[in-house]
Amino acid sequence: MRFILISGLSGAGKSKSASFLEDMGYYVVDNLPAALIPKFAELCMAGQGRYDKVALVTDIRGGQTFDALFDALAQLKDMGCDYKILFVEASLETIIKRYKETRRSHPLAKAGRSLEEAVALERSALEPVRKRSEYILDTSALSTAKLRGEMLRLFGEGDGKPAMSVSVISFGFKNGIPLEADLVFDVRCLPNPYYIAELRHQTGLDAGVRDFVFGYQQTRDLMAHLESLLSFLLPLYVEEGKTALVIAVGCTGGHHRSVAVTRALADFIRQKGYNASESHRDMTRD
């Protein structure tokens, strides 16, 4: 079981970090009392894999001392629960700017205490937690996309594959472009098997159509350009923190050329080390 505790300064990005972990398949609980953490971990460990990735957010809202948290961590260790602590922080100027933008009040901003004083008090109170943290993430210069990318880098699956899934969809322009598409490639410029009687009722998954489409040099040239473009783009999307990319490949009806090219592109993307799936939206439509 992967067990992540998220702590850090208010306004530094703990909630966004937790939401990105949730997108990555973690079960996320915010502000669980420290005394309940061991019991919660016990339930997760007994869940037969249902809760194999868990993230808890604990911070100054639970109090300015963390004895109960450290007692809970000691119990986790005794239980054999391997946990990691992520500490999220930011510069004073960044936190003040974020609070002014959101118009929210700091949890330690009592009457007569300035925001700057509240942040300093919180930073001092959380220092013992920071010292126990395996990961310290400064979000001062991180955009939302960059923060997502850092979370993927730190807590991705670790199977050696980039933490971005790629879906390649074939479609027919006569039925409209898929709304979810990030990239759209038009392959109506390629020779059309529709006008070959014995191929008309086949699809791009059949050997005859595939051989016809890729039997032309222009198809092979187009594929070379598309592969070069994707080799350039995919790492940039990963670096930006994108978790899912949809590539749509269209021909007139979505039966022949787009299907054959979609399969070839999906195979190429998998060979590059990405998790890639293919689907054929209009292949069976009239």
C-alpha atoms as a PDB file:
ATOM      1  CA  MET A   1       0.000   0.000   0.000  1.00  0.00           C
ATOM      2  CA  ARG A   2       1.247   3.491  -0.847  1.00  0.00           C
ATOM      3  CA  PHE A   3       0.469   5.817   2.058  1.00  0.00           C
ATOM      4  CA  ILE A   4       1.193   9.540   1.607  1.00  0.00           C
ATOM      5  CA  LEU A   5       0.752  12.211   4.282  1.00  0.00           C
ATOM      6  CA  ILE A   6       0.534  15.752   2.922  1.00  0.00           C
ATOM      7  CA  SER A   7       1.387  18.606   5.250  1.00  0.00           C
ATOM      8  CA  GLY A   8       2.763  22.097   4.910  1.00  0.00           C
ATOM      9  CA  LEU A   9       1.924  25.762   4.956  1.00  0.00           C
ATOM     10  CA  SER A  10      -1.561  27.111   4.428  1.00  0.00           C
ATOM     11  CA  GLY A  11      -1.777  28.615   0.959  1.00  0.00           C
ATOM     12  CA  ALA A  12       1.198  26.638  -0.331  1.00  0.00           C
ATOM     13  CA  GLY A  13      -0.855  24.203  -2.421  1.00  0.00           C
ATOM     14  CA  LYS A  14      -1.739  21.216  -0.213  1.00  0.00           C
ATOM     15  CA  SER A  15      -5.290  20.978  -1.563  1.00  0.00           C
ATOM     16  CA  LYS A  16      -4.159  21.076  -5.187  1.00  0.00           C
ATOM     17  CA  SER A  17      -1.476  18.495  -4.471  1.00  0.00           C
ATOM     18  CA  ALA A  18      -4.100  16.242  -2.905  1.00  0.00           C
ATOM     19  CA  SER A  19      -6.452  16.710  -5.859  1.00  0.00           C
ATOM     20  CA  PHE A  20      -3.691  15.674  -8.270  1.00  0.00           C
ATOM     21  CA  LEU A  21      -3.054  12.538  -6.213  1.00  0.00           C
ATOM     22  CA  GLU A  22      -6.785  11.847  -6.400  1.00  0.00           C
ATOM     23  CA  ASP A  23      -6.566  12.119 -10.199  1.00  0.00           C
ATOM     24  CA  MET A  24      -3.751   9.557 -10.029  1.00  0.00           C
ATOM     25  CA  GLY A  25      -6.005   7.046  -8.285  1.00  0.00           C
ATOM     26  CA  TYR A  26      -5.285   7.835  -4.634  1.00  0.00           C
ATOM     27  CA  TYR A  27      -8.050   7.762  -2.043  1.00  0.00           C
ATOM     28  CA  VAL A  28      -7.729  11.192  -0.397  1.00  0.00           C
ATOM     29  CA  VAL A  29      -8.914  12.276   3.051  1.00  0.00           C
ATOM     30  CA  ASP A  30      -8.535  15.875   4.195  1.00  0.00           C
ATOM     31  CA  ASN A  31      -7.910  16.874   7.829  1.00  0.00           C
ATOM     32  CA  LEU A  32      -8.331  13.452   9.428  1.00  0.00           C
ATOM     33  CA  PRO A  33      -7.609  13.727  13.194  1.00  0.00           C
ATOM     34  CA  ALA A  34      -4.160  12.337  13.960  1.00  0.00           C
ATOM     35  CA  ALA A  35      -5.522   9.868  16.502  1.00  0.00           C
ATOM     36  CA  LEU A  36      -7.599   8.214  13.774  1.00  0.00           C
ATOM     37  CA  ILE A  37      -4.757   7.763  11.298  1.00  0.00           C
ATOM     38  CA  PRO A  38      -3.608   4.321  12.563  1.00  0.00           C
ATOM     39  CA  LYS A  39      -7.167   2.973  12.575  1.00  0.00           C
ATOM     40  CA  PHE A  40      -7.738   4.323   9.095  1.00  0.00           C
ATOM     41  CA  ALA A  41      -4.500   2.724   7.874  1.00  0.00           C
ATOM     42  CA  GLU A  42      -5.557  -0.569   9.445  1.00  0.00           C
ATOM     43  CA  LEU A  43      -8.854  -0.495   7.562  1.00  0.00           C
ATOM     44  CA  CYS A  44      -7.063   0.301   4.304  1.00  0.00           C
ATOM     45  CA  MET A  45      -4.559  -2.506   4.773  1.00  0.00           C
ATOM     46  CA  ALA A  46      -7.435  -4.925   5.331  1.00  0.00           C
ATOM     47  CA  GLY A  47      -9.235  -3.727   2.207  1.00  0.00           C
ATOM     48  CA  GLN A  48      -7.754  -6.421  -0.062  1.00  0.00           C
ATOM     49  CA  GLY A  49      -6.268  -3.903  -2.462  1.00  0.00           C
ATOM     50  CA  ARG A  50      -9.283  -1.621  -2.625  1.00  0.00           C
ATOM     51  CA  TYR A  51      -7.339   1.154  -0.909  1.00  0.00           C
ATOM     52  CA  ASP A  52      -3.824   0.417  -2.106  1.00  0.00           C
ATOM     53  CA  LYS A  53      -3.051   4.124  -2.671  1.00  0.00           C
ATOM     54  CA  VAL A  54      -4.031   6.536   0.101  1.00  0.00           C
ATOM     55  CA  ALA A  55      -3.222  10.179   0.810  1.00  0.00           C
ATOM     56  CA  LEU A  56      -4.068  12.111   3.986  1.00  0.00           C
ATOM     57  CA  VAL A  57      -3.842  15.871   4.495  1.00  0.00           C
ATOM     58  CA  THR A  58      -2.795  16.962   7.974  1.00  0.00           C
ATOM     59  CA  ASP A  59      -1.801  20.495   8.905  1.00  0.00           C
ATOM     60  CA  ILE A  60      -2.109  23.332  11.394  1.00  0.00           C
ATOM     61  CA  ARG A  61      -5.898  22.962  11.535  1.00  0.00           C
ATOM     62  CA  GLY A  62      -5.354  19.987  13.838  1.00  0.00           C
ATOM     63  CA  GLY A  63      -3.473  22.134  16.375  1.00  0.00           C
ATOM     64  CA  GLN A  64      -0.120  23.815  16.745  1.00  0.00           C
ATOM     65  CA  THR A  65       1.582  20.799  18.318  1.00  0.00           C
ATOM     66  CA  PHE A  66       2.102  17.538  16.509  1.00  0.00           C
ATOM     67  CA  ASP A  67       2.721  15.037  19.309  1.00  0.00           C
ATOM     68  CA  ALA A  68      -0.437  13.127  18.335  1.00  0.00           C
ATOM     69  CA  LEU A  69       0.712  12.989  14.718  1.00  0.00           C
ATOM     70  CA  PHE A  70       4.128  11.637  15.639  1.00  0.00           C
ATOM     71  CA  ASP A  71       2.498   9.060  17.932  1.00  0.00           C
ATOM     72  CA  ALA A  72       0.317   8.011  14.988  1.00  0.00           C
ATOM     73  CA  LEU A  73       3.354   7.734  12.731  1.00  0.00           C
ATOM     74  CA  ALA A  74       5.076   5.519  15.274  1.00  0.00           C
ATOM     75  CA  GLN A  75       2.027   3.259  15.276  1.00  0.00           C
ATOM     76  CA  LEU A  76       2.072   3.118  11.480  1.00  0.00           C
ATOM     77  CA  LYS A  77       5.687   1.970  11.614  1.00  0.00           C
ATOM     78  CA  ASP A  78       4.815  -0.729  14.165  1.00  0.00           C
ATOM     79  CA  MET A  79       1.982  -1.895  11.885  1.00  0.00           C
ATOM     80  CA  GLY A  80       4.385  -2.260   8.959  1.00  0.00           C
ATOM     81  CA  CYS A  81       2.689   0.549   7.042  1.00  0.00           C
ATOM     82  CA  ASP A  82       5.287   2.237   4.864  1.00  0.00           C
ATOM     83  CA  TYR A  83       4.348   5.915   4.723  1.00  0.00           C
ATOM     84  CA  LYS A  84       5.942   8.983   3.136  1.00  0.00           C
ATOM     85  CA  ILE A  85       5.456  12.630   4.111  1.00  0.00           C
ATOM     86  CA  LEU A  86       5.141  15.371   1.506  1.00  0.00           C
ATOM     87  CA  PHE A  87       5.708  18.858   2.901  1.00  0.00           C
ATOM     88  CA  VAL A  88       4.372  21.674   0.712  1.00  0.00           C
ATOM     89  CA  GLU A  89       5.723  25.157   1.250  1.00  0.00           C
ATOM     90  CA  ALA A  90       6.076  28.514  -0.482  1.00  0.00           C
ATOM     91  CA  SER A  91       7.735  31.848   0.119  1.00  0.00           C
ATOM     92  CA  LEU A  92       6.102  34.413   2.393  1.00  0.00           C
ATOM     93  CA  GLU A  93       5.489  36.744  -0.554  1.00  0.00           C
ATOM     94  CA  THR A  94       3.786  33.994  -2.545  1.00  0.00           C
ATOM     95  CA  ILE A  95       1.499  32.956   0.311  1.00  0.00           C
ATOM     96  CA  ILE A  96       0.485  36.546   1.063  1.00  0.00           C
ATOM     97  CA  LYS A  97      -0.279  37.120  -2.623  1.00  0.00           C
ATOM     98  CA  ARG A  98      -2.403  33.976  -2.798  1.00  0.00           C
ATOM     99  CA  TYR A  99      -4.396  34.933   0.305  1.00  0.00           C
ATOM    100  CA  LYS A 100      -5.038  38.391  -1.097  1.00  0.00           C
ATOM    101  CA  GLU A 101      -6.274  36.852  -4.360  1.00  0.00           C
ATOM    102  CA  THR A 102      -8.611  34.369  -2.661  1.00  0.00           C
ATOM    103  CA  ARG A 103      -9.685  36.732   0.146  1.00  0.00           C
ATOM    104  CA  ARG A 104      -9.646  33.814   2.576  1.00  0.00           C
ATOM    105  CA  SER A 105      -8.371  34.123   6.134  1.00  0.00           C
ATOM    106  CA  HIS A 106      -5.317  32.280   7.414  1.00  0.00           C
ATOM    107  CA  PRO A 107      -6.158  29.683  10.117  1.00  0.00           C
ATOM    108  CA  LEU A 108      -3.785  31.453  12.543  1.00  0.00           C
ATOM    109  CA  ALA A 109      -4.827  35.003  11.667  1.00  0.00           C
ATOM    110  CA  LYS A 110      -6.392  35.960  14.992  1.00  0.00           C
ATOM    111  CA  ALA A 111      -7.460  39.455  16.005  1.00  0.00           C
ATOM    112  CA  GLY A 112      -4.465  41.742  16.049  1.00  0.00           C
ATOM    113  CA  ARG A 113      -2.174  39.263  14.269  1.00  0.00           C
ATOM    114  CA  SER A 114      -1.035  40.181  10.776  1.00  0.00           C
ATOM    115  CA  LEU A 115      -0.971  37.690   7.927  1.00  0.00           C
ATOM    116  CA  GLU A 116       2.816  37.864   7.890  1.00  0.00           C
ATOM    117  CA  GLU A 117       2.917  37.002  11.606  1.00  0.00           C
ATOM    118  CA  ALA A 118       0.456  34.143  11.098  1.00  0.00           C
ATOM    119  CA  VAL A 119       2.581  32.614   8.336  1.00  0.00           C
ATOM    120  CA  ALA A 120       5.725  32.920  10.459  1.00  0.00           C
ATOM    121  CA  LEU A 121       3.988  31.257  13.422  1.00  0.00           C
ATOM    122  CA  GLU A 122       2.722  28.430  11.213  1.00  0.00           C
ATOM    123  CA  ARG A 123       6.137  27.896   9.656  1.00  0.00           C
ATOM    124  CA  SER A 124       7.706  27.609  13.093  1.00  0.00           C
ATOM    125  CA  ALA A 125       5.023  25.222  14.368  1.00  0.00           C
ATOM    126  CA  LEU A 126       5.370  22.948  11.320  1.00  0.00           C
ATOM    127  CA  GLU A 127       9.163  22.766  11.389  1.00  0.00           C
ATOM    128  CA  PRO A 128       9.191  19.381  13.231  1.00  0.00           C
ATOM    129  CA  VAL A 129       6.954  17.931  10.525  1.00  0.00           C
ATOM    130  CA  ARG A 130       9.153  19.399   7.794  1.00  0.00           C
ATOM    131  CA  LYS A 131      12.206  17.745   9.311  1.00  0.00           C
ATOM    132  CA  ARG A 132      10.444  14.355   9.186  1.00  0.00           C
ATOM    133  CA  SER A 133       9.376  14.748   5.546  1.00  0.00           C
ATOM    134  CA  GLU A 134      10.814  12.647   2.729  1.00  0.00           C
ATOM    135  CA  TYR A 135       9.666  15.170   0.116  1.00  0.00           C
ATOM    136  CA  ILE A 136       9.751  18.975   0.396  1.00  0.00           C
ATOM    137  CA  LEU A 137       8.043  20.791  -2.447  1.00  0.00           C
ATOM    138  CA  ASP A 138       8.358  24.568  -2.847  1.00  0.00           C
ATOM    139  CA  THR A 139       5.482  25.783  -5.013  1.00  0.00           C
ATOM    140  CA  SER A 140       6.487  29.455  -5.148  1.00  0.00           C
ATOM    141  CA  ALA A 141       7.430  29.331  -8.834  1.00  0.00           C
ATOM    142  CA  LEU A 142       5.153  26.471  -9.890  1.00  0.00           C
ATOM    143  CA  SER A 143       2.120  26.950 -12.101  1.00  0.00           C
ATOM    144  CA  THR A 144      -0.782  24.556 -11.629  1.00  0.00           C
ATOM    145  CA  ALA A 145       0.458  22.481 -14.564  1.00  0.00           C
ATOM    146  CA  LYS A 146       4.008  22.396 -13.213  1.00  0.00           C
ATOM    147  CA  LEU A 147       2.737  21.342  -9.794  1.00  0.00           C
ATOM    148  CA  ARG A 148       0.797  18.514 -11.417  1.00  0.00           C
ATOM    149  CA  GLY A 149       3.941  17.478 -13.227  1.00  0.00           C
ATOM    150  CA  GLU A 150       5.929  17.419  -9.976  1.00  0.00           C
ATOM    151  CA  MET A 151       3.289  15.243  -8.312  1.00  0.00           C
ATOM    152  CA  LEU A 152       3.398  12.851 -11.241  1.00  0.00           C
ATOM    153  CA  ARG A 153       7.184  12.739 -11.052  1.00  0.00           C
ATOM    154  CA  LEU A 154       7.185  12.049  -7.319  1.00  0.00           C
ATOM    155  CA  PHE A 155       4.221   9.713  -7.010  1.00  0.00           C
ATOM    156  CA  GLY A 156       3.603   8.259 -10.458  1.00  0.00           C
ATOM    157  CA  GLU A 157       3.298   4.540 -10.930  1.00  0.00           C
ATOM    158  CA  GLY A 158       7.031   4.054 -11.197  1.00  0.00           C
ATOM    159  CA  ASP A 159       6.724   1.406 -13.911  1.00  0.00           C
ATOM    160  CA  GLY A 160       9.157   3.228 -16.150  1.00  0.00           C
ATOM    161  CA  LYS A 161       6.404   4.621 -18.368  1.00  0.00           C
ATOM    162  CA  PRO A 162       5.621   8.328 -18.623  1.00  0.00           C
ATOM    163  CA  ALA A 163       2.703   9.246 -16.376  1.00  0.00           C
ATOM    164  CA  MET A 164       0.405  10.240 -19.230  1.00  0.00           C
ATOM    165  CA  SER A 165      -2.122   8.085 -21.023  1.00  0.00           C
ATOM    166  CA  VAL A 166      -2.652   8.584 -24.745  1.00  0.00           C
ATOM    167  CA  SER A 167      -5.902   7.704 -26.536  1.00  0.00           C
ATOM    168  CA  VAL A 168      -5.861   7.515 -30.326  1.00  0.00           C
ATOM    169  CA  ILE A 169      -9.318   7.682 -31.920  1.00  0.00           C
ATOM    170  CA  SER A 170     -10.282   7.190 -35.552  1.00  0.00           C
ATOM    171  CA  PHE A 171     -13.356   9.035 -36.819  1.00  0.00           C
ATOM    172  CA  GLY A 172     -15.174  10.171 -39.929  1.00  0.00           C
ATOM    173  CA  PHE A 173     -15.371  13.884 -40.655  1.00  0.00           C
ATOM    174  CA  LYS A 174     -18.926  13.432 -41.937  1.00  0.00           C
ATOM    175  CA  ASN A 175     -19.908  12.562 -38.337  1.00  0.00           C
ATOM    176  CA  GLY A 176     -18.030  15.438 -36.721  1.00  0.00           C
ATOM    177  CA  ILE A 177     -14.719  15.832 -34.930  1.00  0.00           C
ATOM    178  CA  PRO A 178     -14.549  14.182 -31.458  1.00  0.00           C
ATOM    179  CA  LEU A 179     -15.122  16.884 -28.856  1.00  0.00           C
ATOM    180  CA  GLU A 180     -12.499  15.446 -26.510  1.00  0.00           C
ATOM    181  CA  ALA A 181      -9.671  15.629 -29.070  1.00  0.00           C
ATOM    182  CA  ASP A 182      -6.499  17.523 -28.168  1.00  0.00           C
ATOM    183  CA  LEU A 183      -4.829  16.885 -31.535  1.00  0.00           C
ATOM    184  CA  VAL A 184      -6.639  16.249 -34.831  1.00  0.00           C
ATOM    185  CA  PHE A 185      -4.943  14.762 -37.893  1.00  0.00           C
ATOM    186  CA  ASP A 186      -6.719  14.733 -41.259  1.00  0.00           C
ATOM    187  CA  VAL A 187      -5.751  11.778 -43.463  1.00  0.00           C
ATOM    188  CA  ARG A 188      -8.264  12.417 -46.259  1.00  0.00           C
ATOM    189  CA  CYS A 189      -5.253  13.321 -48.391  1.00  0.00           C
ATOM    190  CA  LEU A 190      -4.344   9.617 -48.642  1.00  0.00           C
ATOM    191  CA  PRO A 191      -5.576   7.222 -51.379  1.00  0.00           C
ATOM    192  CA  ASN A 192      -9.065   5.974 -50.515  1.00  0.00           C
ATOM    193  CA  PRO A 193      -9.759   2.190 -50.442  1.00  0.00           C
ATOM    194  CA  TYR A 194     -13.488   2.948 -50.640  1.00  0.00           C
ATOM    195  CA  TYR A 195     -13.222   3.071 -54.412  1.00  0.00           C
ATOM    196  CA  ILE A 196     -11.799  -0.459 -54.590  1.00  0.00           C
ATOM    197  CA  ALA A 197     -14.786  -2.804 -54.756  1.00  0.00           C
ATOM    198  CA  GLU A 198     -13.220  -5.680 -52.810  1.00  0.00           C
ATOM    199  CA  LEU A 199     -12.030  -3.306 -50.058  1.00  0.00           C
ATOM    200  CA  ARG A 200     -15.106  -1.111 -49.709  1.00  0.00           C
ATOM    201  CA  HIS A 201     -16.804  -3.280 -47.069  1.00  0.00           C
ATOM    202  CA  GLN A 202     -13.630  -3.988 -45.138  1.00  0.00           C
ATOM    203  CA  THR A 203     -12.055  -1.736 -42.474  1.00  0.00           C
ATOM    204  CA  GLY A 204      -8.621  -0.393 -41.743  1.00  0.00           C
ATOM    205  CA  LEU A 205      -8.071  -3.327 -39.388  1.00  0.00           C
ATOM    206  CA  ASP A 206      -8.187  -5.764 -42.307  1.00  0.00           C
ATOM    207  CA  ALA A 207      -4.899  -6.662 -43.971  1.00  0.00           C
ATOM    208  CA  GLY A 208      -6.134  -5.773 -47.448  1.00  0.00           C
ATOM    209  CA  VAL A 209      -7.062  -2.210 -46.530  1.00  0.00           C
ATOM    210  CA  ARG A 210      -3.960  -1.732 -44.405  1.00  0.00           C
ATOM    211  CA  ASP A 211      -1.698  -2.936 -47.200  1.00  0.00           C
ATOM    212  CA  PHE A 212      -3.486  -0.689 -49.692  1.00  0.00           C
ATOM    213  CA  VAL A 213      -3.151   2.435 -47.500  1.00  0.00           C
ATOM    214  CA  PHE A 214       0.477   1.843 -46.563  1.00  0.00           C
ATOM    215  CA  GLY A 215       1.401   0.683 -50.039  1.00  0.00           C
ATOM    216  CA  TYR A 216       1.682   4.326 -51.099  1.00  0.00           C
ATOM    217  CA  GLN A 217       4.824   6.359 -50.462  1.00  0.00           C
ATOM    218  CA  GLN A 218       2.772   9.386 -49.442  1.00  0.00           C
ATOM    219  CA  THR A 219       1.282   7.363 -46.567  1.00  0.00           C
ATOM    220  CA  ARG A 220       4.708   6.312 -45.386  1.00  0.00           C
ATOM    221  CA  ASP A 221       5.954   9.888 -45.659  1.00  0.00           C
ATOM    222  CA  LEU A 222       2.964  11.193 -43.705  1.00  0.00           C
ATOM    223  CA  MET A 223       3.541   8.597 -40.981  1.00  0.00           C
ATOM    224  CA  ALA A 224       7.191   9.628 -40.729  1.00  0.00           C
ATOM    225  CA  HIS A 225       6.151  13.260 -40.207  1.00  0.00           C
ATOM    226  CA  LEU A 226       3.476  12.347 -37.651  1.00  0.00           C
ATOM    227  CA  GLU A 227       5.903  10.136 -35.726  1.00  0.00           C
ATOM    228  CA  SER A 228       8.493  12.930 -35.697  1.00  0.00           C
ATOM    229  CA  LEU A 229       5.893  15.431 -34.481  1.00  0.00           C
ATOM    230  CA  LEU A 230       4.652  13.155 -31.695  1.00  0.00           C
ATOM    231  CA  SER A 231       8.199  12.307 -30.634  1.00  0.00           C
ATOM    232  CA  PHE A 232       8.655  16.046 -30.099  1.00  0.00           C
ATOM    233  CA  LEU A 233       5.253  16.814 -28.542  1.00  0.00           C
ATOM    234  CA  LEU A 234       4.644  13.939 -26.128  1.00  0.00           C
ATOM    235  CA  PRO A 235       7.544  14.697 -23.755  1.00  0.00           C
ATOM    236  CA  LEU A 236       6.462  18.349 -23.674  1.00  0.00           C
ATOM    237  CA  TYR A 237       2.936  17.373 -22.643  1.00  0.00           C
ATOM    238  CA  VAL A 238       4.372  15.157 -19.897  1.00  0.00           C
ATOM    239  CA  GLU A 239       6.641  17.959 -18.679  1.00  0.00           C
ATOM    240  CA  GLU A 240       3.676  20.309 -18.586  1.00  0.00           C
ATOM    241  CA  GLY A 241       1.861  17.858 -16.316  1.00  0.00           C
ATOM    242  CA  LYS A 242      -0.790  16.615 -18.718  1.00  0.00           C
ATOM    243  CA  THR A 243      -2.194  13.275 -17.543  1.00  0.00           C
ATOM    244  CA  ALA A 244      -4.281  12.330 -20.588  1.00  0.00           C
ATOM    245  CA  LEU A 245      -3.918  13.164 -24.279  1.00  0.00           C
ATOM    246  CA  VAL A 246      -6.496  12.416 -26.976  1.00  0.00           C
ATOM    247  CA  ILE A 247      -5.348  12.199 -30.596  1.00  0.00           C
ATOM    248  CA  ALA A 248      -8.077  12.009 -33.256  1.00  0.00           C
ATOM    249  CA  VAL A 249      -7.359  10.765 -36.769  1.00  0.00           C
ATOM    250  CA  GLY A 250     -10.055  11.437 -39.351  1.00  0.00           C
ATOM    251  CA  CYS A 251     -10.939  10.417 -42.858  1.00  0.00           C
ATOM    252  CA  THR A 252     -14.229  10.835 -44.718  1.00  0.00           C
ATOM    253  CA  GLY A 253     -16.260   8.013 -43.182  1.00  0.00           C
ATOM    254  CA  GLY A 254     -13.990   6.690 -40.452  1.00  0.00           C
ATOM    255  CA  HIS A 255     -13.841   3.149 -41.894  1.00  0.00           C
ATOM    256  CA  HIS A 256     -10.564   2.775 -43.773  1.00  0.00           C
ATOM    257  CA  ARG A 257      -7.686   5.270 -43.818  1.00  0.00           C
ATOM    258  CA  SER A 258      -8.176   6.756 -40.352  1.00  0.00           C
ATOM    259  CA  VAL A 259      -8.536   3.305 -38.814  1.00  0.00           C
ATOM    260  CA  ALA A 260      -5.320   2.008 -40.373  1.00  0.00           C
ATOM    261  CA  VAL A 261      -3.361   5.112 -39.397  1.00  0.00           C
ATOM    262  CA  THR A 262      -4.809   5.104 -35.874  1.00  0.00           C
ATOM    263  CA  ARG A 263      -3.607   1.562 -35.277  1.00  0.00           C
ATOM    264  CA  ALA A 264      -0.146   2.414 -36.611  1.00  0.00           C
ATOM    265  CA  LEU A 265       0.110   5.551 -34.463  1.00  0.00           C
ATOM    266  CA  ALA A 266      -1.041   3.725 -31.324  1.00  0.00           C
ATOM    267  CA  ASP A 267       1.595   1.041 -31.927  1.00  0.00           C
ATOM    268  CA  PHE A 268       4.260   3.706 -32.425  1.00  0.00           C
ATOM    269  CA  ILE A 269       3.280   5.551 -29.228  1.00  0.00           C
ATOM    270  CA  ARG A 270       3.414   2.323 -27.218  1.00  0.00           C
ATOM    271  CA  GLN A 271       6.857   1.632 -28.637  1.00  0.00           C
ATOM    272  CA  LYS A 272       7.918   5.041 -27.319  1.00  0.00           C
ATOM    273  CA  GLY A 273       7.038   3.824 -23.822  1.00  0.00           C
ATOM    274  CA  TYR A 274       3.633   5.460 -23.298  1.00  0.00           C
ATOM    275  CA  ASN A 275       0.376   3.865 -22.194  1.00  0.00           C
ATOM    276  CA  ALA A 276      -1.630   4.129 -25.412  1.00  0.00           C
ATOM    277  CA  SER A 277      -5.081   2.872 -26.319  1.00  0.00           C
ATOM    278  CA  GLU A 278      -6.928   2.947 -29.620  1.00  0.00           C
ATOM    279  CA  SER A 279     -10.597   3.119 -30.482  1.00  0.00           C
ATOM    280  CA  HIS A 280     -12.562   3.484 -33.703  1.00  0.00           C
ATOM    281  CA  ARG A 281     -15.615   5.654 -33.204  1.00  0.00           C
ATOM    282  CA  ASP A 282     -17.211   5.402 -36.636  1.00  0.00           C
ATOM    283  CA  MET A 283     -15.767   2.172 -38.002  1.00  0.00           C
ATOM    284  CA  THR A 284     -19.069   0.279 -37.727  1.00  0.00           C
ATOM    285  CA  ARG A 285     -21.341   3.189 -38.650  1.00  0.00           C
ATOM    286  CA  ASP A 286     -22.987   3.465 -42.055  1.00  0.00           C
END
